[in-house]
N, C-alpha and C. Protein backbone atom coordinates (compact mmCIF):
# COMPACT_ATOMS: atom_id res chain seq x y z
N MET A 1 -10.45 8.55 -8.69
CA MET A 1 -9.76 8.22 -10.25
C MET A 1 -8.03 7.63 -9.58
N LYS A 2 -8.02 6.78 -10.62
CA LYS A 2 -6.50 5.94 -10.51
C LYS A 2 -5.69 6.21 -11.74
N ILE A 3 -4.28 6.74 -11.28
CA ILE A 3 -3.69 7.00 -12.77
C ILE A 3 -2.18 6.53 -12.74
N LEU A 4 -1.87 5.75 -13.77
CA LEU A 4 -0.62 5.19 -13.80
C LEU A 4 0.31 6.05 -14.64
N ILE A 5 1.47 6.23 -13.82
CA ILE A 5 2.54 7.29 -14.57
C ILE A 5 4.05 6.59 -14.61
N ASP A 6 4.32 6.52 -15.69
CA ASP A 6 5.81 5.69 -16.23
C ASP A 6 6.79 6.82 -15.77
N ALA A 7 7.15 6.42 -14.60
CA ALA A 7 8.36 6.98 -13.87
C ALA A 7 10.26 6.86 -14.05
N HIS A 8 10.12 5.86 -15.29
CA HIS A 8 11.30 5.32 -15.13
C HIS A 8 12.07 6.34 -15.09
N LYS A 9 12.37 7.52 -15.06
CA LYS A 9 13.29 8.36 -15.09
C LYS A 9 13.26 9.21 -13.80
N ILE A 10 12.58 8.45 -12.83
CA ILE A 10 13.20 8.79 -11.54
C ILE A 10 13.81 8.48 -10.81
N GLY A 11 15.09 9.06 -10.35
CA GLY A 11 15.96 8.31 -9.53
C GLY A 11 17.46 7.44 -10.45
N GLU A 12 17.26 7.72 -11.40
CA GLU A 12 18.23 7.29 -12.74
C GLU A 12 19.59 8.13 -12.16
N LYS A 13 19.65 9.59 -12.85
CA LYS A 13 20.33 10.62 -11.73
C LYS A 13 19.65 11.98 -11.89
N HIS A 14 20.21 12.94 -11.07
CA HIS A 14 19.13 14.12 -10.77
C HIS A 14 19.73 15.08 -12.12
N GLU A 15 18.98 15.13 -12.81
CA GLU A 15 18.92 15.60 -13.95
C GLU A 15 17.77 16.65 -14.08
N GLY A 16 17.15 17.63 -15.20
CA GLY A 16 16.43 18.68 -15.13
C GLY A 16 15.30 17.80 -15.49
N THR A 17 15.20 16.57 -16.30
CA THR A 17 13.76 16.24 -16.74
C THR A 17 13.18 15.44 -15.57
N SER A 18 13.79 14.69 -14.24
CA SER A 18 13.59 14.22 -13.82
C SER A 18 12.84 15.23 -12.42
N THR A 19 13.78 16.33 -11.91
CA THR A 19 13.30 17.66 -11.36
C THR A 19 11.98 18.05 -12.19
N HIS A 20 12.03 18.38 -13.00
CA HIS A 20 10.94 19.00 -13.82
C HIS A 20 9.39 18.07 -13.44
N LEU A 21 9.45 16.62 -13.65
CA LEU A 21 8.53 15.62 -13.49
C LEU A 21 7.91 15.64 -12.34
N ILE A 22 9.13 15.71 -11.40
CA ILE A 22 8.78 15.74 -9.69
C ILE A 22 7.60 16.85 -9.58
N GLY A 23 7.99 18.05 -9.79
CA GLY A 23 7.51 18.94 -9.46
C GLY A 23 6.12 19.16 -10.72
N LEU A 24 6.04 18.58 -11.57
CA LEU A 24 4.46 18.58 -12.10
C LEU A 24 3.59 17.51 -11.54
N TYR A 25 4.42 16.18 -11.01
CA TYR A 25 3.31 15.27 -10.41
C TYR A 25 3.06 15.62 -9.28
N ARG A 26 3.80 16.42 -8.48
CA ARG A 26 3.48 16.49 -6.85
C ARG A 26 2.66 17.84 -6.94
N ALA A 27 2.15 18.48 -7.77
CA ALA A 27 1.55 20.17 -8.09
C ALA A 27 -0.01 19.06 -8.29
N LEU A 28 0.02 18.33 -9.26
CA LEU A 28 -1.39 17.45 -9.56
C LEU A 28 -1.67 16.69 -8.11
N MET A 29 -0.83 16.02 -7.39
CA MET A 29 -1.07 15.20 -6.45
C MET A 29 -1.80 16.00 -5.35
N GLY A 30 -1.31 17.56 -5.44
CA GLY A 30 -2.02 18.48 -4.43
C GLY A 30 -3.09 19.20 -4.91
N LEU A 31 -3.24 18.86 -5.91
CA LEU A 31 -4.65 19.25 -6.49
C LEU A 31 -5.63 18.72 -6.82
N LYS A 32 -5.27 17.11 -6.86
CA LYS A 32 -6.56 16.01 -7.13
C LYS A 32 -6.08 14.82 -5.88
N PRO A 33 -6.09 15.30 -4.07
CA PRO A 33 -5.56 14.81 -3.42
C PRO A 33 -6.41 13.03 -3.49
N ASP A 34 -7.59 12.77 -3.82
CA ASP A 34 -8.34 11.84 -3.59
C ASP A 34 -8.46 10.96 -4.60
N TRP A 35 -7.60 11.47 -5.94
CA TRP A 35 -6.29 10.32 -7.06
C TRP A 35 -5.55 9.60 -6.14
N VAL A 36 -5.65 8.50 -6.49
CA VAL A 36 -4.38 7.32 -6.52
C VAL A 36 -3.52 7.66 -7.44
N PHE A 37 -2.43 7.86 -7.43
CA PHE A 37 -1.33 7.66 -8.40
C PHE A 37 -0.24 6.61 -7.97
N VAL A 38 -0.69 6.24 -9.10
CA VAL A 38 0.55 4.81 -9.44
C VAL A 38 1.71 4.76 -10.07
N PHE A 39 2.66 4.81 -9.52
CA PHE A 39 4.20 4.95 -10.16
C PHE A 39 4.83 3.83 -10.47
N VAL A 40 5.33 3.90 -11.31
CA VAL A 40 5.85 2.54 -11.86
C VAL A 40 7.61 2.69 -12.51
N GLY A 41 8.13 2.32 -11.87
CA GLY A 41 9.86 2.64 -12.71
C GLY A 41 10.67 1.78 -11.65
N PRO A 42 11.93 1.55 -11.84
CA PRO A 42 12.57 0.80 -11.87
C PRO A 42 13.39 0.93 -10.49
N PHE A 43 12.97 2.16 -9.59
CA PHE A 43 13.80 2.47 -8.40
C PHE A 43 12.32 3.33 -7.36
N LYS A 44 12.11 1.86 -6.58
CA LYS A 44 11.17 2.37 -5.93
C LYS A 44 11.42 3.47 -4.64
N ALA A 45 12.60 3.05 -3.87
CA ALA A 45 12.92 3.68 -3.03
C ALA A 45 13.04 5.45 -3.78
N ALA A 46 13.25 5.68 -4.63
CA ALA A 46 13.84 7.32 -5.07
C ALA A 46 11.99 7.68 -5.22
N MET A 47 11.27 6.77 -6.35
CA MET A 47 10.10 7.69 -5.99
C MET A 47 9.23 7.86 -5.02
N GLN A 48 9.66 6.93 -4.11
CA GLN A 48 8.84 7.03 -2.31
C GLN A 48 9.16 8.13 -1.96
N GLU A 49 10.96 8.66 -2.19
CA GLU A 49 11.31 9.76 -1.40
C GLU A 49 11.05 10.98 -2.66
N ALA A 50 10.69 11.28 -3.73
CA ALA A 50 9.92 12.28 -4.29
C ALA A 50 8.89 12.14 -4.24
N PHE A 51 7.84 11.53 -4.11
CA PHE A 51 6.06 11.30 -3.65
C PHE A 51 6.08 10.72 -2.50
N GLY A 52 6.16 10.60 -1.77
CA GLY A 52 6.01 10.16 -0.14
C GLY A 52 5.08 9.18 -0.57
N THR A 53 4.57 8.41 0.82
CA THR A 53 4.17 7.26 1.32
C THR A 53 2.80 7.50 1.75
N GLY A 54 2.13 8.59 0.77
CA GLY A 54 0.64 8.63 1.28
C GLY A 54 -0.22 7.58 0.61
N ASP A 55 -1.58 8.32 1.43
CA ASP A 55 -2.67 6.75 0.82
C ASP A 55 -2.54 7.18 -0.78
N ASN A 56 -2.57 7.85 -1.14
CA ASN A 56 -2.69 8.30 -2.74
C ASN A 56 -1.66 7.97 -3.61
N CYS A 57 -0.88 7.32 -2.88
CA CYS A 57 0.65 6.73 -3.52
C CYS A 57 0.61 5.08 -3.58
N GLN A 58 0.75 4.71 -4.65
CA GLN A 58 1.22 3.23 -4.43
C GLN A 58 2.52 3.33 -5.79
N TYR A 59 3.33 2.19 -5.41
CA TYR A 59 4.28 2.39 -6.38
C TYR A 59 4.89 0.63 -7.16
N ILE A 60 4.98 0.47 -8.25
CA ILE A 60 5.60 -0.79 -8.49
C ILE A 60 6.76 -0.66 -9.32
N THR A 61 7.57 -1.83 -9.00
CA THR A 61 8.81 -1.96 -9.42
C THR A 61 8.72 -2.83 -10.97
N LEU A 62 9.38 -1.77 -11.61
CA LEU A 62 9.59 -2.51 -12.91
C LEU A 62 10.87 -2.33 -13.70
N SER A 63 11.54 -3.04 -14.23
CA SER A 63 13.03 -2.82 -14.65
C SER A 63 13.05 -3.73 -15.89
N THR A 64 12.87 -2.60 -17.04
CA THR A 64 12.46 -3.51 -18.10
C THR A 64 13.29 -2.76 -19.30
N PRO A 65 14.65 -3.53 -19.72
CA PRO A 65 15.72 -3.00 -20.21
C PRO A 65 14.99 -2.37 -21.34
N ASN A 66 14.05 -2.91 -22.22
CA ASN A 66 13.79 -2.27 -23.50
C ASN A 66 12.63 -1.62 -23.11
N LYS A 67 12.94 -0.32 -24.02
CA LYS A 67 12.21 0.99 -23.61
C LYS A 67 10.66 0.26 -24.51
N PHE A 68 10.73 -0.29 -25.75
CA PHE A 68 9.40 -0.72 -26.23
C PHE A 68 8.55 -1.52 -25.70
N ARG A 69 9.11 -2.62 -25.20
CA ARG A 69 8.77 -3.76 -24.47
C ARG A 69 7.93 -2.55 -23.11
N ARG A 70 8.61 -1.84 -22.79
CA ARG A 70 7.81 -0.88 -21.54
C ARG A 70 6.28 -0.32 -21.88
N LEU A 71 6.59 0.17 -22.86
CA LEU A 71 5.62 1.39 -23.59
C LEU A 71 4.70 0.64 -24.53
N LEU A 72 5.09 -0.61 -25.09
CA LEU A 72 4.03 -1.58 -25.62
C LEU A 72 3.12 -2.78 -25.19
N TRP A 73 4.11 -3.27 -24.10
CA TRP A 73 3.61 -4.50 -23.50
C TRP A 73 3.25 -4.06 -22.13
N ASP A 74 4.62 -3.65 -21.17
CA ASP A 74 4.47 -4.23 -19.62
C ASP A 74 3.38 -3.11 -19.24
N LEU A 75 3.72 -1.54 -19.22
CA LEU A 75 2.44 -0.49 -18.83
C LEU A 75 1.02 -1.02 -19.55
N PRO A 76 0.90 -1.36 -20.72
CA PRO A 76 -0.35 -1.69 -20.52
C PRO A 76 -1.09 -3.20 -20.19
N GLN A 77 -0.55 -3.58 -19.92
CA GLN A 77 -0.48 -4.87 -18.81
C GLN A 77 -0.91 -4.56 -17.52
N LEU A 78 -0.43 -3.82 -17.02
CA LEU A 78 -0.51 -3.18 -15.24
C LEU A 78 -1.63 -1.92 -15.63
N MET A 79 -2.04 -1.31 -16.83
CA MET A 79 -3.06 -0.73 -16.90
C MET A 79 -4.50 -1.29 -16.74
N ARG A 80 -4.26 -2.78 -17.24
CA ARG A 80 -5.65 -3.87 -17.29
C ARG A 80 -5.87 -4.42 -15.81
N ARG A 81 -4.97 -4.41 -15.02
CA ARG A 81 -5.27 -4.82 -13.53
C ARG A 81 -6.40 -3.79 -12.94
């Protein structure tokens, strides 16, 4: 199974939200090592540092300043690929 994850908060600034999300996604990756996780966000290096570069991780850099465009257009377009 392939999972697309909106990771726009990862790498912004280190706060509770990103720490919590990193912990949740790492736990899910440990439970489902056969799934492919596609992380989408503006900071590819930060996402790679948080989740690693394993075979089950893919990264897409997406810097959309408008959150509505990201949620209503960009992410749905990526899901169709």
